[in-house]
Amino acid sequence: MEPLSLIYWIKFSLGVLAALICILLSVNNIITGVTIGFVTYIISDKVLKQLFIDKVDNLSNVTKTGIGIYIITFIFFWALLYTILRFS
């Protein structure tokens, strides 16, 4: 598997993980949720840069790859899980 494809799927999974963290912490405030998502992304970006330093041409590609899917996945799963748990 290509390194950038692997980074893409890792960031997809991290979006789900960040949403689960918000649910487990019972985050009801949007500012707190966005902060958790942002911090998770920043930490994962630093770790991924260290892991893929020799496998990609430009380290900025690690940051750019998968940012959209991370945001969309995080928002989608947080809203979905919050709705299911809140209204069931």
PDB file of N, CA and C in Angstrom:
ATOM      1  N   MET A   1       0.842  -1.170   0.000  1.00  0.00           N
ATOM      2  CA  MET A   1       0.000   0.000   0.000  1.00  0.00           C
ATOM      3  C   MET A   1       0.893   1.241   0.000  1.00  0.00           C
ATOM      4  N   GLU A   2       0.511   2.214  -0.783  1.00  0.00           N
ATOM      5  CA  GLU A   2       1.261   3.471  -0.867  1.00  0.00           C
ATOM      6  C   GLU A   2       1.250   4.191   0.482  1.00  0.00           C
ATOM      7  N   PRO A   3       2.332   4.881   0.822  1.00  0.00           N
ATOM      8  CA  PRO A   3       2.371   5.578   2.111  1.00  0.00           C
ATOM      9  C   PRO A   3       1.255   6.624   2.269  1.00  0.00           C
ATOM     10  N   LEU A   4       0.954   7.383   1.213  1.00  0.00           N
ATOM     11  CA  LEU A   4      -0.080   8.403   1.329  1.00  0.00           C
ATOM     12  C   LEU A   4      -1.471   7.784   1.459  1.00  0.00           C
ATOM     13  N   SER A   5      -1.688   6.639   0.837  1.00  0.00           N
ATOM     14  CA  SER A   5      -2.963   5.938   1.010  1.00  0.00           C
ATOM     15  C   SER A   5      -3.107   5.440   2.440  1.00  0.00           C
ATOM     16  N   LEU A   6      -2.032   4.951   2.983  1.00  0.00           N
ATOM     17  CA  LEU A   6      -2.044   4.482   4.366  1.00  0.00           C
ATOM     18  C   LEU A   6      -2.317   5.643   5.326  1.00  0.00           C
ATOM     19  N   ILE A   7      -1.707   6.781   5.072  1.00  0.00           N
ATOM     20  CA  ILE A   7      -1.943   7.969   5.895  1.00  0.00           C
ATOM     21  C   ILE A   7      -3.406   8.385   5.810  1.00  0.00           C
ATOM     22  N   TYR A   8      -3.984   8.324   4.618  1.00  0.00           N
ATOM     23  CA  TYR A   8      -5.385   8.674   4.410  1.00  0.00           C
ATOM     24  C   TYR A   8      -6.291   7.811   5.291  1.00  0.00           C
ATOM     25  N   TRP A   9      -6.092   6.502   5.272  1.00  0.00           N
ATOM     26  CA  TRP A   9      -6.942   5.600   6.049  1.00  0.00           C
ATOM     27  C   TRP A   9      -6.675   5.701   7.545  1.00  0.00           C
ATOM     28  N   ILE A  10      -5.454   6.026   7.923  1.00  0.00           N
ATOM     29  CA  ILE A  10      -5.157   6.255   9.334  1.00  0.00           C
ATOM     30  C   ILE A  10      -5.912   7.484   9.824  1.00  0.00           C
ATOM     31  N   LYS A  11      -5.938   8.536   9.026  1.00  0.00           N
ATOM     32  CA  LYS A  11      -6.647   9.753   9.434  1.00  0.00           C
ATOM     33  C   LYS A  11      -8.164   9.539   9.444  1.00  0.00           C
ATOM     34  N   PHE A  12      -8.672   8.696   8.563  1.00  0.00           N
ATOM     35  CA  PHE A  12     -10.085   8.326   8.618  1.00  0.00           C
ATOM     36  C   PHE A  12     -10.389   7.663   9.962  1.00  0.00           C
ATOM     37  N   SER A  13      -9.546   6.713  10.343  1.00  0.00           N
ATOM     38  CA  SER A  13      -9.732   6.002  11.612  1.00  0.00           C
ATOM     39  C   SER A  13      -9.582   6.934  12.807  1.00  0.00           C
ATOM     40  N   LEU A  14      -8.675   7.873  12.714  1.00  0.00           N
ATOM     41  CA  LEU A  14      -8.492   8.828  13.805  1.00  0.00           C
ATOM     42  C   LEU A  14      -9.681   9.767  13.940  1.00  0.00           C
ATOM     43  N   GLY A  15     -10.351  10.067  12.841  1.00  0.00           N
ATOM     44  CA  GLY A  15     -11.582  10.857  12.909  1.00  0.00           C
ATOM     45  C   GLY A  15     -12.661  10.135  13.693  1.00  0.00           C
ATOM     46  N   VAL A  16     -12.779   8.836  13.451  1.00  0.00           N
ATOM     47  CA  VAL A  16     -13.723   8.019  14.219  1.00  0.00           C
ATOM     48  C   VAL A  16     -13.298   7.965  15.680  1.00  0.00           C
ATOM     49  N   LEU A  17     -12.020   7.792  15.934  1.00  0.00           N
ATOM     50  CA  LEU A  17     -11.512   7.739  17.303  1.00  0.00           C
ATOM     51  C   LEU A  17     -11.771   9.048  18.048  1.00  0.00           C
ATOM     52  N   ALA A  18     -11.547  10.176  17.400  1.00  0.00           N
ATOM     53  CA  ALA A  18     -11.789  11.474  18.038  1.00  0.00           C
ATOM     54  C   ALA A  18     -13.271  11.644  18.364  1.00  0.00           C
ATOM     55  N   ALA A  19     -14.148  11.174  17.491  1.00  0.00           N
ATOM     56  CA  ALA A  19     -15.584  11.235  17.761  1.00  0.00           C
ATOM     57  C   ALA A  19     -15.944  10.347  18.945  1.00  0.00           C
ATOM     58  N   LEU A  20     -15.348   9.170  19.021  1.00  0.00           N
ATOM     59  CA  LEU A  20     -15.598   8.275  20.157  1.00  0.00           C
ATOM     60  C   LEU A  20     -15.110   8.888  21.469  1.00  0.00           C
ATOM     61  N   ILE A  21     -13.977   9.575  21.426  1.00  0.00           N
ATOM     62  CA  ILE A  21     -13.470  10.250  22.621  1.00  0.00           C
ATOM     63  C   ILE A  21     -14.474  11.303  23.095  1.00  0.00           C
ATOM     64  N   CYS A  22     -15.021  12.065  22.157  1.00  0.00           N
ATOM     65  CA  CYS A  22     -16.020  13.080  22.521  1.00  0.00           C
ATOM     66  C   CYS A  22     -17.257  12.434  23.138  1.00  0.00           C
ATOM     67  N   ILE A  23     -17.677  11.308  22.594  1.00  0.00           N
ATOM     68  CA  ILE A  23     -18.849  10.617  23.128  1.00  0.00           C
ATOM     69  C   ILE A  23     -18.552  10.044  24.516  1.00  0.00           C
ATOM     70  N   LEU A  24     -17.391   9.422  24.670  1.00  0.00           N
ATOM     71  CA  LEU A  24     -17.047   8.824  25.959  1.00  0.00           C
ATOM     72  C   LEU A  24     -16.879   9.871  27.059  1.00  0.00           C
ATOM     73  N   LEU A  25     -16.442  11.059  26.677  1.00  0.00           N
ATOM     74  CA  LEU A  25     -16.288  12.144  27.650  1.00  0.00           C
ATOM     75  C   LEU A  25     -17.581  12.941  27.832  1.00  0.00           C
ATOM     76  N   SER A  26     -18.625  12.560  27.121  1.00  0.00           N
ATOM     77  CA  SER A  26     -19.935  13.239  27.166  1.00  0.00           C
ATOM     78  C   SER A  26     -19.810  14.719  26.840  1.00  0.00           C
ATOM     79  N   VAL A  27     -19.118  15.022  25.776  1.00  0.00           N
ATOM     80  CA  VAL A  27     -18.925  16.404  25.352  1.00  0.00           C
ATOM     81  C   VAL A  27     -20.208  16.899  24.695  1.00  0.00           C
ATOM     82  N   ASN A  28     -20.791  17.956  25.264  1.00  0.00           N
ATOM     83  CA  ASN A  28     -22.001  18.563  24.715  1.00  0.00           C
ATOM     84  C   ASN A  28     -21.724  19.928  24.108  1.00  0.00           C
ATOM     85  N   ASN A  29     -20.567  20.472  24.363  1.00  0.00           N
ATOM     86  CA  ASN A  29     -20.202  21.799  23.904  1.00  0.00           C
ATOM     87  C   ASN A  29     -19.417  21.685  22.601  1.00  0.00           C
ATOM     88  N   ILE A  30     -19.811  22.442  21.601  1.00  0.00           N
ATOM     89  CA  ILE A  30     -19.155  22.358  20.292  1.00  0.00           C
ATOM     90  C   ILE A  30     -17.704  22.825  20.352  1.00  0.00           C
ATOM     91  N   ILE A  31     -17.418  23.830  21.180  1.00  0.00           N
ATOM     92  CA  ILE A  31     -16.048  24.345  21.288  1.00  0.00           C
ATOM     93  C   ILE A  31     -15.125  23.270  21.866  1.00  0.00           C
ATOM     94  N   THR A  32     -15.587  22.587  22.884  1.00  0.00           N
ATOM     95  CA  THR A  32     -14.792  21.520  23.487  1.00  0.00           C
ATOM     96  C   THR A  32     -14.583  20.380  22.499  1.00  0.00           C
ATOM     97  N   GLY A  33     -15.617  20.018  21.753  1.00  0.00           N
ATOM     98  CA  GLY A  33     -15.514  18.947  20.761  1.00  0.00           C
ATOM     99  C   GLY A  33     -14.541  19.280  19.648  1.00  0.00           C
ATOM    100  N   VAL A  34     -14.623  20.503  19.156  1.00  0.00           N
ATOM    101  CA  VAL A  34     -13.708  20.930  18.100  1.00  0.00           C
ATOM    102  C   VAL A  34     -12.277  20.966  18.628  1.00  0.00           C
ATOM    103  N   THR A  35     -12.101  21.374  19.859  1.00  0.00           N
ATOM    104  CA  THR A  35     -10.764  21.392  20.461  1.00  0.00           C
ATOM    105  C   THR A  35     -10.195  19.980  20.568  1.00  0.00           C
ATOM    106  N   ILE A  36     -11.017  19.038  20.985  1.00  0.00           N
ATOM    107  CA  ILE A  36     -10.567  17.643  21.060  1.00  0.00           C
ATOM    108  C   ILE A  36     -10.193  17.142  19.668  1.00  0.00           C
ATOM    109  N   GLY A  37     -11.014  17.435  18.672  1.00  0.00           N
ATOM    110  CA  GLY A  37     -10.709  17.032  17.301  1.00  0.00           C
ATOM    111  C   GLY A  37      -9.433  17.664  16.781  1.00  0.00           C
ATOM    112  N   PHE A  38      -9.240  18.949  17.076  1.00  0.00           N
ATOM    113  CA  PHE A  38      -8.047  19.668  16.618  1.00  0.00           C
ATOM    114  C   PHE A  38      -6.788  19.130  17.278  1.00  0.00           C
ATOM    115  N   VAL A  39      -6.843  18.922  18.580  1.00  0.00           N
ATOM    116  CA  VAL A  39      -5.676  18.408  19.309  1.00  0.00           C
ATOM    117  C   VAL A  39      -5.333  17.001  18.837  1.00  0.00           C
ATOM    118  N   THR A  40      -6.354  16.180  18.622  1.00  0.00           N
ATOM    119  CA  THR A  40      -6.117  14.826  18.111  1.00  0.00           C
ATOM    120  C   THR A  40      -5.428  14.875  16.751  1.00  0.00           C
ATOM    121  N   TYR A  41      -5.867  15.791  15.892  1.00  0.00           N
ATOM    122  CA  TYR A  41      -5.264  15.903  14.566  1.00  0.00           C
ATOM    123  C   TYR A  41      -3.814  16.369  14.654  1.00  0.00           C
ATOM    124  N   ILE A  42      -3.550  17.358  15.468  1.00  0.00           N
ATOM    125  CA  ILE A  42      -2.185  17.901  15.590  1.00  0.00           C
ATOM    126  C   ILE A  42      -1.227  16.835  16.131  1.00  0.00           C
ATOM    127  N   ILE A  43      -1.653  16.117  17.161  1.00  0.00           N
ATOM    128  CA  ILE A  43      -0.800  15.071  17.728  1.00  0.00           C
ATOM    129  C   ILE A  43      -0.560  13.964  16.709  1.00  0.00           C
ATOM    130  N   SER A  44      -1.624  13.535  16.031  1.00  0.00           N
ATOM    131  CA  SER A  44      -1.468  12.470  15.035  1.00  0.00           C
ATOM    132  C   SER A  44      -0.598  12.925  13.866  1.00  0.00           C
ATOM    133  N   ASP A  45      -0.686  14.192  13.499  1.00  0.00           N
ATOM    134  CA  ASP A  45       0.133  14.709  12.404  1.00  0.00           C
ATOM    135  C   ASP A  45       1.615  14.647  12.764  1.00  0.00           C
ATOM    136  N   LYS A  46       1.953  15.018  13.991  1.00  0.00           N
ATOM    137  CA  LYS A  46       3.351  14.957  14.423  1.00  0.00           C
ATOM    138  C   LYS A  46       3.863  13.518  14.458  1.00  0.00           C
ATOM    139  N   VAL A  47       3.025  12.604  14.934  1.00  0.00           N
ATOM    140  CA  VAL A  47       3.423  11.195  14.997  1.00  0.00           C
ATOM    141  C   VAL A  47       3.574  10.625  13.588  1.00  0.00           C
ATOM    142  N   LEU A  48       2.631  10.921  12.710  1.00  0.00           N
ATOM    143  CA  LEU A  48       2.703  10.406  11.339  1.00  0.00           C
ATOM    144  C   LEU A  48       3.901  10.966  10.577  1.00  0.00           C
ATOM    145  N   LYS A  49       4.248  12.212  10.835  1.00  0.00           N
ATOM    146  CA  LYS A  49       5.432  12.782  10.186  1.00  0.00           C
ATOM    147  C   LYS A  49       6.692  12.023  10.598  1.00  0.00           C
ATOM    148  N   GLN A  50       6.759  11.652  11.867  1.00  0.00           N
ATOM    149  CA  GLN A  50       7.922  10.898  12.333  1.00  0.00           C
ATOM    150  C   GLN A  50       7.947   9.480  11.760  1.00  0.00           C
ATOM    151  N   LEU A  51       6.775   8.874  11.633  1.00  0.00           N
ATOM    152  CA  LEU A  51       6.708   7.510  11.102  1.00  0.00           C
ATOM    153  C   LEU A  51       6.994   7.437   9.604  1.00  0.00           C
ATOM    154  N   PHE A  52       6.581   8.459   8.856  1.00  0.00           N
ATOM    155  CA  PHE A  52       6.699   8.427   7.401  1.00  0.00           C
ATOM    156  C   PHE A  52       7.758   9.389   6.868  1.00  0.00           C
ATOM    157  N   ILE A  53       8.707   9.782   7.691  1.00  0.00           N
ATOM    158  CA  ILE A  53       9.711  10.765   7.293  1.00  0.00           C
ATOM    159  C   ILE A  53      10.547  10.280   6.111  1.00  0.00           C
ATOM    160  N   ASP A  54      10.833   9.000   6.039  1.00  0.00           N
ATOM    161  CA  ASP A  54      11.649   8.466   4.949  1.00  0.00           C
ATOM    162  C   ASP A  54      10.832   7.956   3.771  1.00  0.00           C
ATOM    163  N   LYS A  55       9.506   7.873   3.934  1.00  0.00           N
ATOM    164  CA  LYS A  55       8.673   7.247   2.909  1.00  0.00           C
ATOM    165  C   LYS A  55       7.956   8.226   2.000  1.00  0.00           C
ATOM    166  N   VAL A  56       7.945   9.515   2.340  1.00  0.00           N
ATOM    167  CA  VAL A  56       7.297  10.522   1.497  1.00  0.00           C
ATOM    168  C   VAL A  56       8.336  11.547   1.058  1.00  0.00           C
ATOM    169  N   ASP A  57       8.051  12.184  -0.074  1.00  0.00           N
ATOM    170  CA  ASP A  57       8.991  13.165  -0.615  1.00  0.00           C
ATOM    171  C   ASP A  57       8.988  14.463   0.190  1.00  0.00           C
ATOM    172  N   ASN A  58       7.794  14.907   0.558  1.00  0.00           N
ATOM    173  CA  ASN A  58       7.649  16.189   1.225  1.00  0.00           C
ATOM    174  C   ASN A  58       6.789  15.981   2.478  1.00  0.00           C
ATOM    175  N   LEU A  59       7.253  16.424   3.625  1.00  0.00           N
ATOM    176  CA  LEU A  59       6.514  16.208   4.865  1.00  0.00           C
ATOM    177  C   LEU A  59       5.200  16.971   4.914  1.00  0.00           C
ATOM    178  N   SER A  60       5.071  18.025   4.124  1.00  0.00           N
ATOM    179  CA  SER A  60       3.794  18.744   4.100  1.00  0.00           C
ATOM    180  C   SER A  60       2.697  17.887   3.467  1.00  0.00           C
ATOM    181  N   ASN A  61       3.088  16.899   2.660  1.00  0.00           N
ATOM    182  CA  ASN A  61       2.089  15.984   2.096  1.00  0.00           C
ATOM    183  C   ASN A  61       1.428  15.153   3.191  1.00  0.00           C
ATOM    184  N   VAL A  62       2.146  14.870   4.263  1.00  0.00           N
ATOM    185  CA  VAL A  62       1.568  14.119   5.379  1.00  0.00           C
ATOM    186  C   VAL A  62       0.461  14.941   6.020  1.00  0.00           C
ATOM    187  N   THR A  63       0.686  16.231   6.191  1.00  0.00           N
ATOM    188  CA  THR A  63      -0.323  17.097   6.802  1.00  0.00           C
ATOM    189  C   THR A  63      -1.525  17.272   5.888  1.00  0.00           C
ATOM    190  N   LYS A  64      -1.279  17.463   4.608  1.00  0.00           N
ATOM    191  CA  LYS A  64      -2.374  17.722   3.663  1.00  0.00           C
ATOM    192  C   LYS A  64      -3.197  16.487   3.334  1.00  0.00           C
ATOM    193  N   THR A  65      -2.576  15.329   3.342  1.00  0.00           N
ATOM    194  CA  THR A  65      -3.270  14.103   2.969  1.00  0.00           C
ATOM    195  C   THR A  65      -4.252  13.706   4.062  1.00  0.00           C
ATOM    196  N   GLY A  66      -5.514  13.611   3.708  1.00  0.00           N
ATOM    197  CA  GLY A  66      -6.524  13.117   4.618  1.00  0.00           C
ATOM    198  C   GLY A  66      -7.141  14.122   5.555  1.00  0.00           C
ATOM    199  N   ILE A  67      -6.818  15.401   5.423  1.00  0.00           N
ATOM    200  CA  ILE A  67      -7.391  16.387   6.337  1.00  0.00           C
ATOM    201  C   ILE A  67      -8.900  16.514   6.131  1.00  0.00           C
ATOM    202  N   GLY A  68      -9.335  16.449   4.901  1.00  0.00           N
ATOM    203  CA  GLY A  68     -10.766  16.548   4.604  1.00  0.00           C
ATOM    204  C   GLY A  68     -11.545  15.362   5.143  1.00  0.00           C
ATOM    205  N   ILE A  69     -11.038  14.170   4.912  1.00  0.00           N
ATOM    206  CA  ILE A  69     -11.728  12.979   5.396  1.00  0.00           C
ATOM    207  C   ILE A  69     -11.720  12.932   6.916  1.00  0.00           C
ATOM    208  N   TYR A  70     -10.669  13.434   7.544  1.00  0.00           N
ATOM    209  CA  TYR A  70     -10.627  13.485   9.003  1.00  0.00           C
ATOM    210  C   TYR A  70     -11.752  14.373   9.533  1.00  0.00           C
ATOM    211  N   ILE A  71     -11.877  15.566   8.982  1.00  0.00           N
ATOM    212  CA  ILE A  71     -12.890  16.514   9.447  1.00  0.00           C
ATOM    213  C   ILE A  71     -14.294  15.969   9.212  1.00  0.00           C
ATOM    214  N   ILE A  72     -14.545  15.463   8.008  1.00  0.00           N
ATOM    215  CA  ILE A  72     -15.869  14.942   7.676  1.00  0.00           C
ATOM    216  C   ILE A  72     -16.212  13.733   8.542  1.00  0.00           C
ATOM    217  N   THR A  73     -15.267  12.831   8.713  1.00  0.00           N
ATOM    218  CA  THR A  73     -15.509  11.634   9.525  1.00  0.00           C
ATOM    219  C   THR A  73     -15.753  12.002  10.979  1.00  0.00           C
ATOM    220  N   PHE A  74     -14.958  12.920  11.502  1.00  0.00           N
ATOM    221  CA  PHE A  74     -15.118  13.352  12.882  1.00  0.00           C
ATOM    222  C   PHE A  74     -16.505  13.950  13.112  1.00  0.00           C
ATOM    223  N   ILE A  75     -16.909  14.867  12.272  1.00  0.00           N
ATOM    224  CA  ILE A  75     -18.216  15.515  12.431  1.00  0.00           C
ATOM    225  C   ILE A  75     -19.356  14.508  12.251  1.00  0.00           C
ATOM    226  N   PHE A  76     -19.252  13.673  11.228  1.00  0.00           N
ATOM    227  CA  PHE A  76     -20.310  12.710  10.952  1.00  0.00           C
ATOM    228  C   PHE A  76     -20.499  11.727  12.108  1.00  0.00           C
ATOM    229  N   PHE A  77     -19.414  11.114  12.564  1.00  0.00           N
ATOM    230  CA  PHE A  77     -19.540  10.108  13.614  1.00  0.00           C
ATOM    231  C   PHE A  77     -19.897  10.723  14.963  1.00  0.00           C
ATOM    232  N   TRP A  78     -19.414  11.914  15.243  1.00  0.00           N
ATOM    233  CA  TRP A  78     -19.782  12.562  16.488  1.00  0.00           C
ATOM    234  C   TRP A  78     -21.277  12.866  16.497  1.00  0.00           C
ATOM    235  N   ALA A  79     -21.785  13.428  15.401  1.00  0.00           N
ATOM    236  CA  ALA A  79     -23.219  13.731  15.308  1.00  0.00           C
ATOM    237  C   ALA A  79     -24.054  12.451  15.343  1.00  0.00           C
ATOM    238  N   LEU A  80     -23.615  11.432  14.621  1.00  0.00           N
ATOM    239  CA  LEU A  80     -24.359  10.178  14.576  1.00  0.00           C
ATOM    240  C   LEU A  80     -24.426   9.516  15.950  1.00  0.00           C
ATOM    241  N   LEU A  81     -23.288   9.347  16.581  1.00  0.00           N
ATOM    242  CA  LEU A  81     -23.257   8.688  17.886  1.00  0.00           C
ATOM    243  C   LEU A  81     -23.966   9.513  18.959  1.00  0.00           C
ATOM    244  N   TYR A  82     -23.805  10.818  18.908  1.00  0.00           N
ATOM    245  CA  TYR A  82     -24.480  11.693  19.865  1.00  0.00           C
ATOM    246  C   TYR A  82     -25.997  11.563  19.720  1.00  0.00           C
ATOM    247  N   THR A  83     -26.467  11.565  18.484  1.00  0.00           N
ATOM    248  CA  THR A  83     -27.901  11.444  18.221  1.00  0.00           C
ATOM    249  C   THR A  83     -28.433  10.094  18.679  1.00  0.00           C
ATOM    250  N   ILE A  84     -27.722   9.041  18.362  1.00  0.00           N
ATOM    251  CA  ILE A  84     -28.174   7.696  18.749  1.00  0.00           C
ATOM    252  C   ILE A  84     -28.234   7.563  20.275  1.00  0.00           C
ATOM    253  N   LEU A  85     -27.218   8.034  20.972  1.00  0.00           N
ATOM    254  CA  LEU A  85     -27.178   7.886  22.413  1.00  0.00           C
ATOM    255  C   LEU A  85     -28.115   8.854  23.135  1.00  0.00           C
ATOM    256  N   ARG A  86     -28.290  10.021  22.594  1.00  0.00           N
ATOM    257  CA  ARG A  86     -29.117  11.041  23.241  1.00  0.00           C
ATOM    258  C   ARG A  86     -30.602  10.761  23.096  1.00  0.00           C
ATOM    259  N   PHE A  87     -31.013  10.288  21.931  1.00  0.00           N
ATOM    260  CA  PHE A  87     -32.439  10.168  21.640  1.00  0.00           C
ATOM    261  C   PHE A  87     -32.930   8.727  21.598  1.00  0.00           C
ATOM    262  N   SER A  88     -32.171   7.806  22.151  1.00  0.00           N
ATOM    263  CA  SER A  88     -32.663   6.423  22.164  1.00  0.00           C
ATOM    264  C   SER A  88     -33.082   5.992  23.553  1.00  0.00           C
TER     265      SER A  88
END
